[in-house]
C-alpha atoms as a PDB file:
ATOM      1  CA  MET A   1      -2.158 -15.083  -1.306  1.00  0.00           C
ATOM      2  CA  TRP A   2       0.174 -12.449   0.131  1.00  0.00           C
ATOM      3  CA  ILE A   3      -0.979  -9.849   2.617  1.00  0.00           C
ATOM      4  CA  VAL A   4       1.185  -6.768   2.137  1.00  0.00           C
ATOM      5  CA  LEU A   5       1.169  -4.451   5.132  1.00  0.00           C
ATOM      6  CA  PHE A   6       2.529  -0.918   5.506  1.00  0.00           C
ATOM      7  CA  SER A   7       2.984  -0.442   1.780  1.00  0.00           C
ATOM      8  CA  ILE A   8       4.728   2.707   0.475  1.00  0.00           C
ATOM      9  CA  ASN A   9       4.747   3.312  -3.282  1.00  0.00           C
ATOM     10  CA  PHE A  10       7.994   5.081  -4.144  1.00  0.00           C
ATOM     11  CA  TYR A  11       8.174   4.751  -7.932  1.00  0.00           C
ATOM     12  CA  GLY A  12       5.754   3.391 -10.522  1.00  0.00           C
ATOM     13  CA  GLY A  13       4.941  -0.181  -9.472  1.00  0.00           C
ATOM     14  CA  TYR A  14       7.731  -0.325  -6.880  1.00  0.00           C
ATOM     15  CA  PHE A  15       6.969  -0.405  -3.170  1.00  0.00           C
ATOM     16  CA  MET A  16       8.544  -0.690   0.251  1.00  0.00           C
ATOM     17  CA  HIS A  17       6.429  -3.001   2.336  1.00  0.00           C
ATOM     18  CA  GLN A  18       6.352  -5.659   5.041  1.00  0.00           C
ATOM     19  CA  GLN A  19       7.038  -9.079   3.642  1.00  0.00           C
ATOM     20  CA  PRO A  20       8.864 -12.137   4.921  1.00  0.00           C
ATOM     21  CA  LEU A  21      12.543 -12.063   4.017  1.00  0.00           C
ATOM     22  CA  PRO A  22      13.307 -15.309   2.186  1.00  0.00           C
ATOM     23  CA  GLY A  23      17.096 -14.982   2.350  1.00  0.00           C
ATOM     24  CA  TYR A  24      17.535 -14.816  -1.432  1.00  0.00           C
ATOM     25  CA  PRO A  25      16.531 -12.386  -4.214  1.00  0.00           C
ATOM     26  CA  ALA A  26      12.815 -12.902  -4.724  1.00  0.00           C
ATOM     27  CA  SER A  27      11.378  -9.560  -5.815  1.00  0.00           C
ATOM     28  CA  HIS A  28      10.829  -7.701  -9.060  1.00  0.00           C
ATOM     29  CA  GLY A  29      12.114  -4.537  -7.433  1.00  0.00           C
ATOM     30  CA  CYS A  30      10.155  -3.919  -4.255  1.00  0.00           C
ATOM     31  CA  VAL A  31      11.986  -3.378  -0.986  1.00  0.00           C
ATOM     32  CA  ARG A  32      10.987  -5.958   1.605  1.00  0.00           C
ATOM     33  CA  LEU A  33      11.072  -4.873   5.215  1.00  0.00           C
ATOM     34  CA  LEU A  34      10.677  -6.540   8.562  1.00  0.00           C
ATOM     35  CA  MET A  35       7.283  -5.824  10.149  1.00  0.00           C
ATOM     36  CA  THR A  36       8.623  -3.465  12.837  1.00  0.00           C
ATOM     37  CA  ASP A  37      10.710  -1.493  10.313  1.00  0.00           C
ATOM     38  CA  ALA A  38       7.848  -1.265   7.794  1.00  0.00           C
ATOM     39  CA  GLU A  39       5.436   0.005  10.420  1.00  0.00           C
ATOM     40  CA  LYS A  40       7.849   2.658  11.732  1.00  0.00           C
ATOM     41  CA  LEU A  41       8.663   3.868   8.210  1.00  0.00           C
ATOM     42  CA  PHE A  42       4.988   3.877   7.158  1.00  0.00           C
ATOM     43  CA  LYS A  43       4.052   6.051  10.152  1.00  0.00           C
ATOM     44  CA  TRP A  44       7.025   8.390   9.655  1.00  0.00           C
ATOM     45  CA  VAL A  45       6.846   9.275   5.926  1.00  0.00           C
ATOM     46  CA  ARG A  46       4.299  11.566   4.289  1.00  0.00           C
ATOM     47  CA  VAL A  47       2.829  11.633   0.799  1.00  0.00           C
ATOM     48  CA  ARG A  48       5.313  13.129  -1.679  1.00  0.00           C
ATOM     49  CA  ASP A  49       8.370  12.667   0.590  1.00  0.00           C
ATOM     50  CA  ALA A  50      11.465  12.060  -1.522  1.00  0.00           C
ATOM     51  CA  VAL A  51      12.768   8.452  -1.430  1.00  0.00           C
ATOM     52  CA  THR A  52      16.271   7.316  -2.366  1.00  0.00           C
ATOM     53  CA  VAL A  53      16.971   3.589  -2.532  1.00  0.00           C
ATOM     54  CA  VAL A  54      20.674   2.701  -2.305  1.00  0.00           C
ATOM     55  CA  ARG A  55      22.162  -0.735  -2.784  1.00  0.00           C
ATOM     56  CA  ASP A  56      24.622  -1.635  -0.043  1.00  0.00           C
ATOM     57  CA  SER A  57      26.994  -4.128  -1.642  1.00  0.00           C
ATOM     58  CA  GLY A  58      28.665  -4.713   1.738  1.00  0.00           C
ATOM     59  CA  VAL A  59      25.781  -6.820   2.975  1.00  0.00           C
END
């Protein structure tokens, strides 16, 4: 069972949330974040804030 902390729904069933980073693609579309980043973002955003997700192919 996964415990998903600091979850932010940004589109339909897609979320940004704290989750261990496995080092390989392992998501159906959610954005996995480190705990510290997820907590900061969760406390910073407000309901209905616009969210843009951009793929950085340089990583």
